[in-house]
Protein backbone atom coordinates (compact mmCIF):
# COMPACT_ATOMS: atom_id res chain seq x y z
CA UNK A 1 0.00 0.00 0.00
CA UNK A 2 1.09 3.55 -0.57
CA UNK A 3 2.83 5.01 2.45
CA UNK A 4 1.36 8.01 4.22
CA UNK A 5 3.70 10.95 4.11
CA UNK A 6 3.67 14.18 6.02
CA UNK A 7 2.48 17.30 4.22
CA UNK A 8 5.97 18.75 4.40
CA UNK A 9 7.51 15.78 2.65
CA UNK A 10 4.68 15.70 0.09
CA UNK A 11 5.22 19.32 -0.90
CA UNK A 12 8.96 18.85 -1.03
CA UNK A 13 8.73 15.89 -3.38
CA UNK A 14 6.05 17.40 -5.60
CA UNK A 15 8.19 20.37 -6.46
CA UNK A 16 11.48 18.52 -6.65
CA UNK A 17 13.21 18.57 -10.03
CA UNK A 18 15.54 15.78 -9.07
CA UNK A 19 16.90 12.64 -10.46
CA UNK A 20 15.63 11.02 -13.55
CA UNK A 21 17.37 7.80 -12.56
CA UNK A 22 16.23 6.03 -9.37
CA UNK A 23 18.68 4.87 -6.76
CA UNK A 24 18.79 1.25 -5.64
CA UNK A 25 16.15 1.77 -2.97
CA UNK A 26 13.54 3.31 -5.31
CA UNK A 27 12.04 0.06 -6.51
CA UNK A 28 8.65 -0.84 -7.93
CA UNK A 29 7.45 -4.17 -6.55
CA UNK A 30 4.61 -6.64 -6.96
CA UNK A 31 3.93 -9.50 -4.53
CA UNK A 32 2.27 -12.25 -6.54
CA UNK A 33 1.42 -14.38 -3.48
CA UNK A 34 -0.37 -11.56 -1.63
CA UNK A 35 -3.82 -11.19 -3.19
CA UNK A 36 -5.86 -8.34 -1.74
CA UNK A 37 -9.24 -9.24 -3.21
CA UNK A 38 -11.25 -9.23 -6.41
CA UNK A 39 -11.51 -6.07 -8.49
CA UNK A 40 -15.12 -5.16 -9.20
CA UNK A 41 -15.78 -4.94 -12.96
CA UNK A 42 -17.99 -1.95 -12.19
CA UNK A 43 -15.03 0.29 -11.42
CA UNK A 44 -14.94 0.63 -15.20
CA UNK A 45 -18.16 2.62 -15.33
CA UNK A 46 -19.54 5.81 -16.86
CA UNK A 47 -22.63 7.98 -16.87
CA UNK A 48 -24.98 8.19 -19.82
CA UNK A 49 -27.82 10.72 -20.05
CA UNK A 50 -30.59 12.04 -22.22
CA UNK A 51 -28.29 14.58 -23.85
CA UNK A 52 -25.66 11.96 -24.70
CA UNK A 53 -25.77 10.49 -28.19
CA UNK A 54 -23.17 8.05 -29.44
CA UNK A 55 -22.56 8.93 -33.10
CA UNK A 56 -22.99 6.06 -35.52
CA UNK A 57 -19.33 6.22 -36.55
CA UNK A 58 -18.23 5.87 -32.91
CA UNK A 59 -20.27 2.78 -32.06
CA UNK A 60 -17.25 0.51 -32.63
CA UNK A 61 -15.29 2.68 -30.17
CA UNK A 62 -18.13 2.44 -27.65
CA UNK A 63 -18.25 -1.34 -28.01
CA UNK A 64 -14.48 -1.53 -27.48
CA UNK A 65 -14.44 1.02 -24.66
CA UNK A 66 -14.21 -1.46 -21.81
CA UNK A 67 -17.05 0.29 -19.95
CA UNK A 68 -18.83 -2.30 -17.80
CA UNK A 69 -21.35 -0.17 -15.87
CA UNK A 70 -23.60 2.60 -17.18
CA UNK A 71 -25.52 4.95 -14.91
CA UNK A 72 -28.66 6.46 -16.45
CA UNK A 73 -29.72 9.20 -16.83
CA UNK A 74 -26.61 10.57 -15.10
CA UNK A 75 -26.80 14.03 -13.58
CA UNK A 76 -29.48 16.60 -12.84
CA UNK A 77 -31.70 15.70 -15.79
CA UNK A 78 -33.21 12.72 -13.94
CA UNK A 79 -34.83 15.07 -11.41
CA UNK A 80 -36.15 17.54 -13.97
CA UNK A 81 -37.53 15.12 -16.55
CA UNK A 82 -39.86 12.16 -16.52
CA UNK A 83 -37.99 9.34 -18.24
CA UNK A 84 -40.05 7.69 -20.97
CA UNK A 85 -40.25 3.97 -21.64
CA UNK A 86 -38.70 4.25 -25.09
CA UNK A 87 -35.70 6.04 -23.55
CA UNK A 88 -35.22 3.14 -21.15
CA UNK A 89 -35.48 0.68 -24.03
CA UNK A 90 -32.78 2.56 -25.92
CA UNK A 91 -30.56 2.65 -22.85
CA UNK A 92 -30.88 -1.08 -22.21
CA UNK A 93 -30.12 -1.78 -25.87
CA UNK A 94 -26.94 0.30 -25.57
CA UNK A 95 -25.87 -1.52 -22.41
CA UNK A 96 -26.31 -4.87 -24.10
CA UNK A 97 -24.46 -3.73 -27.18
CA UNK A 98 -21.36 -2.60 -25.26
CA UNK A 99 -21.56 -5.22 -22.49
CA UNK A 100 -22.31 -2.87 -19.58
CA UNK A 101 -24.38 -3.45 -16.43
CA UNK A 102 -27.28 -0.96 -16.42
CA UNK A 103 -28.13 1.28 -13.46
CA UNK A 104 -31.22 3.50 -13.46
CA UNK A 105 -32.04 6.51 -11.32
CA UNK A 106 -35.68 7.36 -10.64
CA UNK A 107 -36.94 10.90 -10.11
CA UNK A 108 -36.78 12.28 -6.57
CA UNK A 109 -37.48 16.01 -6.92
CA UNK A 110 -40.92 16.19 -8.48
CA UNK A 111 -41.23 12.42 -8.44
CA UNK A 112 -43.60 10.14 -6.54
CA UNK A 113 -43.50 6.60 -5.14
CA UNK A 114 -46.16 5.58 -7.63
CA UNK A 115 -44.14 6.90 -10.55
CA UNK A 116 -41.00 5.07 -9.40
CA UNK A 117 -42.92 1.85 -8.85
CA UNK A 118 -44.31 2.01 -12.39
CA UNK A 119 -40.80 2.38 -13.77
CA UNK A 120 -39.57 -0.69 -11.90
CA UNK A 121 -42.64 -2.59 -13.05
CA UNK A 122 -42.01 -1.67 -16.68
CA UNK A 123 -38.29 -2.40 -16.56
CA UNK A 124 -38.16 -5.62 -14.55
CA UNK A 125 -41.67 -7.10 -14.83
CA UNK A 126 -43.12 -6.05 -18.18
CA UNK A 127 -39.84 -6.04 -20.12
CA UNK A 128 -37.94 -8.43 -17.86
CA UNK A 129 -34.73 -6.41 -18.26
CA UNK A 130 -33.47 -7.54 -14.88
CA UNK A 131 -31.96 -4.20 -13.84
CA UNK A 132 -30.35 -4.79 -10.46
CA UNK A 133 -28.91 -1.41 -9.48
CA UNK A 134 -31.19 1.58 -8.84
CA UNK A 135 -30.82 5.02 -7.31
CA UNK A 136 -33.26 7.69 -6.23
CA UNK A 137 -32.45 11.27 -7.15
CA UNK A 138 -29.16 12.99 -7.90
CA UNK A 139 -27.26 15.34 -5.57
CA UNK A 140 -30.27 16.12 -3.34
CA UNK A 141 -28.18 18.50 -1.24
CA UNK A 142 -28.33 20.92 -4.21
CA UNK A 143 -32.14 20.97 -4.46
CA UNK A 144 -33.73 24.34 -3.69
CA UNK A 145 -35.48 24.64 -0.33
CA UNK A 146 -34.95 20.97 0.45
CA UNK A 147 -34.11 19.66 3.89
CA UNK A 148 -32.48 16.46 5.07
CA UNK A 149 -35.77 15.51 6.70
CA UNK A 150 -37.63 15.85 3.41
CA UNK A 151 -34.96 13.93 1.59
CA UNK A 152 -34.92 11.03 4.03
CA UNK A 153 -38.73 10.80 4.08
CA UNK A 154 -39.17 11.07 0.30
CA UNK A 155 -36.33 8.64 -0.46
CA UNK A 156 -37.68 5.98 1.89
CA UNK A 157 -41.23 6.17 0.56
CA UNK A 158 -39.99 5.79 -3.02
CA UNK A 159 -37.65 2.94 -2.11
CA UNK A 160 -40.41 1.02 -0.33
CA UNK A 161 -42.71 1.39 -3.34
CA UNK A 162 -39.99 0.11 -5.67
CA UNK A 163 -39.21 -2.88 -3.46
CA UNK A 164 -42.89 -3.79 -3.36
CA UNK A 165 -42.68 -4.37 -7.12
CA UNK A 166 -39.29 -6.10 -7.19
CA UNK A 167 -37.71 -7.04 -3.84
CA UNK A 168 -34.49 -8.18 -5.55
CA UNK A 169 -33.30 -4.71 -6.62
CA UNK A 170 -30.38 -3.00 -4.89
CA UNK A 171 -30.13 0.68 -3.98
CA UNK A 172 -27.10 2.85 -4.68
CA UNK A 173 -27.15 6.24 -3.02
CA UNK A 174 -27.60 8.94 -1.90
CA UNK A 175 -25.34 10.41 -4.65
CA UNK A 176 -24.54 13.57 -2.72
CA UNK A 177 -22.11 16.04 -4.27
CA UNK A 178 -18.46 16.92 -3.69
CA UNK A 179 -17.59 14.49 -0.91
CA UNK A 180 -14.21 14.94 0.74
CA UNK A 181 -14.98 14.18 4.39
CA UNK A 182 -13.67 17.61 5.40
CA UNK A 183 -16.09 20.52 5.86
CA UNK A 184 -13.87 23.01 4.01
CA UNK A 185 -16.73 25.33 3.01
CA UNK A 186 -20.49 25.66 3.45
CA UNK A 187 -21.53 23.77 0.30
CA UNK A 188 -19.44 20.71 1.18
CA UNK A 189 -20.60 20.85 4.80
CA UNK A 190 -24.21 20.71 3.59
CA UNK A 191 -23.43 17.74 1.34
CA UNK A 192 -21.81 15.93 4.25
CA UNK A 193 -24.82 16.67 6.45
CA UNK A 194 -27.16 15.20 3.85
CA UNK A 195 -25.03 12.07 3.63
CA UNK A 196 -24.81 11.53 7.39
CA UNK A 197 -28.51 12.19 8.00
CA UNK A 198 -29.43 9.92 5.11
CA UNK A 199 -27.37 7.05 6.50
CA UNK A 200 -28.89 7.48 9.95
CA UNK A 201 -32.42 7.36 8.55
CA UNK A 202 -32.05 4.94 5.64
CA UNK A 203 -28.86 3.00 6.28
CA UNK A 204 -31.00 -0.10 6.76
CA UNK A 205 -32.19 0.09 3.14
CA UNK A 206 -29.13 1.22 1.23
CA UNK A 207 -26.89 -1.43 -0.36
CA UNK A 208 -24.04 0.67 -1.76
CA UNK A 209 -23.16 4.13 -0.44
CA UNK A 210 -22.37 6.54 -3.26
CA UNK A 211 -21.04 10.08 -3.56
CA UNK A 212 -19.74 12.38 -6.30
CA UNK A 213 -16.61 14.48 -6.69
CA UNK A 214 -15.29 17.05 -9.13
CA UNK A 215 -12.22 18.77 -7.66
CA UNK A 216 -12.36 21.81 -9.96
CA UNK A 217 -13.04 24.68 -10.36
CA UNK A 218 -11.88 25.73 -6.88
CA UNK A 219 -12.62 29.32 -5.82
CA UNK A 220 -13.31 30.09 -9.48
CA UNK A 221 -9.84 28.85 -10.39
CA UNK A 222 -9.52 26.34 -13.20
CA UNK A 223 -7.30 23.32 -12.89
CA UNK A 224 -3.73 23.28 -14.07
CA UNK A 225 -1.51 20.28 -14.60
CA UNK A 226 0.16 20.97 -11.28
CA UNK A 227 -3.08 21.30 -9.29
CA UNK A 228 -4.49 18.17 -10.94
CA UNK A 229 -1.30 16.36 -9.99
CA UNK A 230 -1.69 17.43 -6.36
CA UNK A 231 -5.36 16.38 -6.33
CA UNK A 232 -4.44 12.75 -7.01
CA UNK A 233 -3.25 12.28 -3.44
CA UNK A 234 -6.51 13.48 -1.88
CA UNK A 235 -8.40 10.38 -3.06
CA UNK A 236 -6.81 8.13 -0.43
CA UNK A 237 -8.33 10.22 2.34
CA UNK A 238 -11.63 10.63 0.46
CA UNK A 239 -12.21 6.88 0.40
CA UNK A 240 -10.99 6.45 3.98
CA UNK A 241 -13.25 9.27 5.19
CA UNK A 242 -16.26 7.84 3.35
CA UNK A 243 -15.79 4.41 4.91
CA UNK A 244 -15.47 6.05 8.32
CA UNK A 245 -18.71 7.99 7.87
CA UNK A 246 -20.53 4.81 6.85
CA UNK A 247 -19.24 2.92 9.87
CA UNK A 248 -20.13 5.74 12.24
CA UNK A 249 -23.67 6.22 10.96
CA UNK A 250 -24.69 2.69 9.96
CA UNK A 251 -22.64 0.73 12.45
CA UNK A 252 -21.16 -1.58 9.85
CA UNK A 253 -19.14 -1.49 6.65
CA UNK A 254 -21.02 -1.20 3.37
CA UNK A 255 -19.71 -1.21 -0.21
CA UNK A 256 -18.96 2.29 -1.50
CA UNK A 257 -19.17 3.92 -4.92
CA UNK A 258 -18.09 7.07 -6.71
CA UNK A 259 -20.95 7.44 -9.18
CA UNK A 260 -19.88 10.74 -10.73
CA UNK A 261 -16.31 11.97 -11.09
CA UNK A 262 -14.24 14.07 -13.40
CA UNK A 263 -11.62 16.76 -12.98
CA UNK A 264 -14.04 19.66 -13.62
CA UNK A 265 -17.83 19.93 -13.46
CA UNK A 266 -18.02 23.00 -15.71
CA UNK A 267 -18.24 23.13 -19.50
CA UNK A 268 -14.71 24.51 -19.83
CA UNK A 269 -12.67 22.92 -22.61
CA UNK A 270 -9.44 23.46 -24.46
CA UNK A 271 -6.93 24.06 -21.68
CA UNK A 272 -4.04 21.93 -20.42
CA UNK A 273 -6.14 20.37 -17.64
CA UNK A 274 -9.80 20.45 -18.66
CA UNK A 275 -11.61 17.10 -19.03
CA UNK A 276 -10.87 16.97 -22.77
CA UNK A 277 -7.12 17.34 -22.21
CA UNK A 278 -4.32 14.83 -22.46
CA UNK A 279 -3.34 15.31 -18.81
CA UNK A 280 -6.89 14.57 -17.69
CA UNK A 281 -6.21 10.99 -18.83
CA UNK A 282 -3.04 10.84 -16.71
CA UNK A 283 -4.89 12.25 -13.70
CA UNK A 284 -7.78 9.82 -14.14
CA UNK A 285 -5.49 6.80 -14.50
CA UNK A 286 -3.81 7.68 -11.21
CA UNK A 287 -7.15 8.28 -9.47
CA UNK A 288 -8.68 5.09 -10.87
CA UNK A 289 -5.64 3.15 -9.67
CA UNK A 290 -6.16 4.48 -6.17
CA UNK A 291 -9.88 3.65 -6.19
CA UNK A 292 -9.07 0.11 -7.33
CA UNK A 293 -6.46 -0.22 -4.59
CA UNK A 294 -9.08 0.87 -2.05
CA UNK A 295 -11.52 -1.71 -3.47
CA UNK A 296 -14.29 0.69 -4.33
CA UNK A 297 -17.24 -1.22 -5.78
CA UNK A 298 -18.44 1.18 -8.49
CA UNK A 299 -16.69 4.06 -10.24
CA UNK A 300 -18.69 5.92 -12.88
CA UNK A 301 -16.74 8.47 -14.89
CA UNK A 302 -18.69 11.50 -16.05
CA UNK A 303 -19.45 11.08 -18.93
CA UNK A 304 -19.69 8.43 -21.66
CA UNK A 305 -20.27 10.96 -24.44
CA UNK A 306 -20.59 14.74 -24.75
CA UNK A 307 -20.24 17.22 -27.53
CA UNK A 308 -17.84 20.12 -27.06
CA UNK A 309 -20.81 22.44 -26.54
CA UNK A 310 -21.71 20.57 -23.35
CA UNK A 311 -18.12 20.32 -22.13
CA UNK A 312 -15.30 17.90 -22.72
CA UNK A 313 -16.39 15.33 -20.13
CA UNK A 314 -17.23 12.49 -22.48
CA UNK A 315 -14.91 9.63 -23.27
CA UNK A 316 -16.44 10.02 -26.70
CA UNK A 317 -16.83 13.36 -28.44
CA UNK A 318 -18.85 14.05 -31.59
CA UNK A 319 -16.35 12.81 -34.14
CA UNK A 320 -13.59 11.12 -32.18
CA UNK A 321 -12.55 9.75 -28.82
CA UNK A 322 -10.97 11.94 -26.15
CA UNK A 323 -7.67 11.09 -24.43
CA UNK A 324 -9.26 9.64 -21.28
CA UNK A 325 -10.91 6.97 -23.45
CA UNK A 326 -7.51 5.30 -23.72
CA UNK A 327 -7.31 4.82 -19.96
CA UNK A 328 -9.98 2.16 -20.29
CA UNK A 329 -8.22 0.59 -23.24
CA UNK A 330 -5.39 -0.28 -20.87
CA UNK A 331 -7.36 -1.02 -17.71
CA UNK A 332 -9.62 -3.56 -19.41
CA UNK A 333 -6.47 -5.68 -19.77
CA UNK A 334 -5.82 -5.55 -16.01
CA UNK A 335 -6.40 -8.81 -14.16
CA UNK A 336 -9.26 -9.38 -11.73
CA UNK A 337 -7.39 -10.37 -8.55
CA UNK A 338 -5.77 -7.33 -6.97
CA UNK A 339 -2.19 -7.88 -5.78
CA UNK A 340 -0.11 -5.98 -3.26
CA UNK A 341 2.21 -3.57 -5.04
CA UNK A 342 4.01 -0.36 -4.32
CA UNK A 343 7.00 1.89 -4.71
CA UNK A 344 9.16 4.23 -2.67
CA UNK A 345 8.28 7.37 -4.64
CA UNK A 346 4.46 7.37 -4.58
CA UNK A 347 4.22 11.06 -5.45
CA UNK A 348 5.83 10.39 -8.84
CA UNK A 349 4.40 7.01 -9.75
CA UNK A 350 1.15 5.18 -9.07
CA UNK A 351 1.33 1.39 -9.53
CA UNK A 352 -1.48 -1.16 -9.51
CA UNK A 353 -1.15 -4.87 -10.22
CA UNK A 354 -3.55 -7.76 -10.63
CA UNK A 355 -3.49 -11.43 -11.53
CA UNK A 356 -5.44 -12.66 -14.54
CA UNK A 357 -7.27 -15.98 -14.67
CA UNK A 358 -4.60 -17.36 -17.01
CA UNK A 359 -1.94 -16.63 -14.40
CA UNK A 360 -0.54 -13.56 -16.16
CA UNK A 361 0.68 -10.73 -13.93
CA UNK A 362 -0.67 -7.38 -15.13
CA UNK A 363 0.85 -4.12 -13.95
CA UNK A 364 -0.29 -0.56 -14.68
CA UNK A 365 2.17 2.22 -13.85
CA UNK A 366 1.22 5.90 -14.16
CA UNK A 367 4.02 8.45 -14.30
CA UNK A 368 2.32 11.70 -13.28
CA UNK A 369 5.47 13.82 -13.59
CA UNK A 370 6.97 15.79 -16.44
CA UNK A 371 10.19 13.72 -16.26
CA UNK A 372 11.39 10.56 -17.92
CA UNK A 373 11.79 8.09 -15.06
CA UNK A 374 13.40 4.67 -14.77
CA UNK A 375 12.71 2.27 -11.94
CA UNK A 376 13.79 -1.27 -11.11
CA UNK A 377 10.79 -3.61 -10.98
CA UNK A 378 10.75 -6.64 -8.69
CA UNK A 379 8.27 -9.51 -8.91
CA UNK A 380 8.13 -11.14 -5.49
CA UNK A 381 7.13 -14.77 -4.74
CA UNK A 382 6.93 -15.94 -8.34
CA UNK A 383 9.04 -17.76 -10.90
CA UNK A 384 7.94 -15.30 -13.58
CA UNK A 385 10.64 -12.98 -14.84
CA UNK A 386 10.92 -9.75 -16.77
CA UNK A 387 12.73 -11.08 -19.83
CA UNK A 388 9.64 -10.93 -22.05
CA UNK A 389 5.98 -10.02 -22.08
CA UNK A 390 3.58 -7.41 -23.45
CA UNK A 391 4.39 -3.70 -23.20
CA UNK A 392 1.65 -1.14 -23.84
CA UNK A 393 2.06 2.63 -23.66
CA UNK A 394 -0.10 5.73 -23.52
CA UNK A 395 1.77 9.01 -23.77
CA UNK A 396 1.91 12.08 -25.98
CA UNK A 397 3.10 9.94 -28.90
CA UNK A 398 1.27 6.65 -28.31
CA UNK A 399 -2.42 5.99 -27.80
CA UNK A 400 -2.49 2.78 -25.74
CA UNK A 401 -0.26 1.03 -28.27
CA UNK A 402 1.58 -2.29 -28.04
CA UNK A 403 5.34 -1.82 -28.41
CA UNK A 404 8.37 -4.07 -28.24
CA UNK A 405 9.10 -5.33 -24.72
CA UNK A 406 12.66 -4.06 -24.94
CA UNK A 407 11.36 -0.53 -25.58
CA UNK A 408 9.99 -0.41 -22.05
CA UNK A 409 11.84 -3.01 -19.99
CA UNK A 410 15.50 -3.90 -20.02
CA UNK A 411 17.39 -5.87 -17.37
CA UNK A 412 14.52 -5.58 -14.95
CA UNK A 413 14.36 -1.78 -15.23
CA UNK A 414 11.20 -0.07 -16.51
CA UNK A 415 11.38 3.14 -18.53
CA UNK A 416 8.46 5.49 -17.87
CA UNK A 417 8.06 8.38 -20.33
CA UNK A 418 6.88 11.76 -18.98
CA UNK A 419 3.13 11.91 -18.30
CA UNK A 420 2.48 8.33 -19.29
CA UNK A 421 0.56 5.15 -18.52
CA UNK A 422 2.43 1.87 -18.92
CA UNK A 423 0.85 -1.58 -18.98
CA UNK A 424 3.03 -4.64 -18.52
CA UNK A 425 1.74 -8.20 -18.93
CA UNK A 426 4.09 -10.87 -17.64
CA UNK A 427 3.23 -14.49 -18.38
CA UNK A 428 4.01 -17.35 -15.96
């Protein structure tokens, strides 16, 4: 696991312009005989809403995206619009086409228990779609003139009506906004209050506790590469804080989910660190690695598709794929059994490793810095060696491309280009 460092050390390392070559103690390692647990396939998720349209020419890219969980209708629109049956049919057809588990949110603000029950009846009884994961409302802490008491009462009444139709469904929620676990300003404090009060009132009915987070803009300041880089290290405490809140309010551990996340919630595009940027992919790879390491159950990137007019959030744009799309091209090759792994310079490099069913050791290494780095890599408790394997690279010059093994690994030392994601597959 990544070591906790003091703030002083963290700042010192972040701004260090030091060695490109690691010393003997700066080693990347993977322990093949220390499985941590199974990686949920739903960490490779995304949101998909009424304003998202996958262009015909990009359907092959959607099918190959590696997205395994789709949250519909993703965002505020589900509380301002009554979803129609034909829209659900189209959504289910998309999920089946790309191989994703569907998740549906029913209307909370302006919705009724009867309306929600009818949706469940149509989806799982009439059409027999078998949708397992459901949520009620989106970011209720942002509703106008809405209290925690109203939220808890309305949510429970809707949930009970839905369960009366199909008692096998599971609830993901409450999907409150901007969770950090630290009441840094009034808006976040209100979101935290909604979460805690919800868990006290409805913790007996919730199956997976979910929150959202977009780190930027902050104080009207847009992200830069450097501030995105610093944000990566906040996700360890975010997950730890969320688990602590769940334990305190429910009295037991529950699975957790991040059901909306991106670097920026606004429609800003075209800068070095907006969601459509190259570095957004590097940031998201590092964050996704951390969420996998913390064994989060669901991670839904925002969004599956958006045009530039709506912001650069989508993995798919109107005519092409955006850089963050390639993160999933690499992660879908990651194994399913999480292994212990680490390194001695965790502010430069994020490493995640997993074992595949065929026994292959898969390793994803994200270099978040602007420097070319080299690091010795040690495989512990295995007869596998680093003389050959598959080497895949995402950087400014390669879009998740397979390259010669010797281009990335020589004599047990891995070369990590600046701002890059490296995938290694080592066969037994």
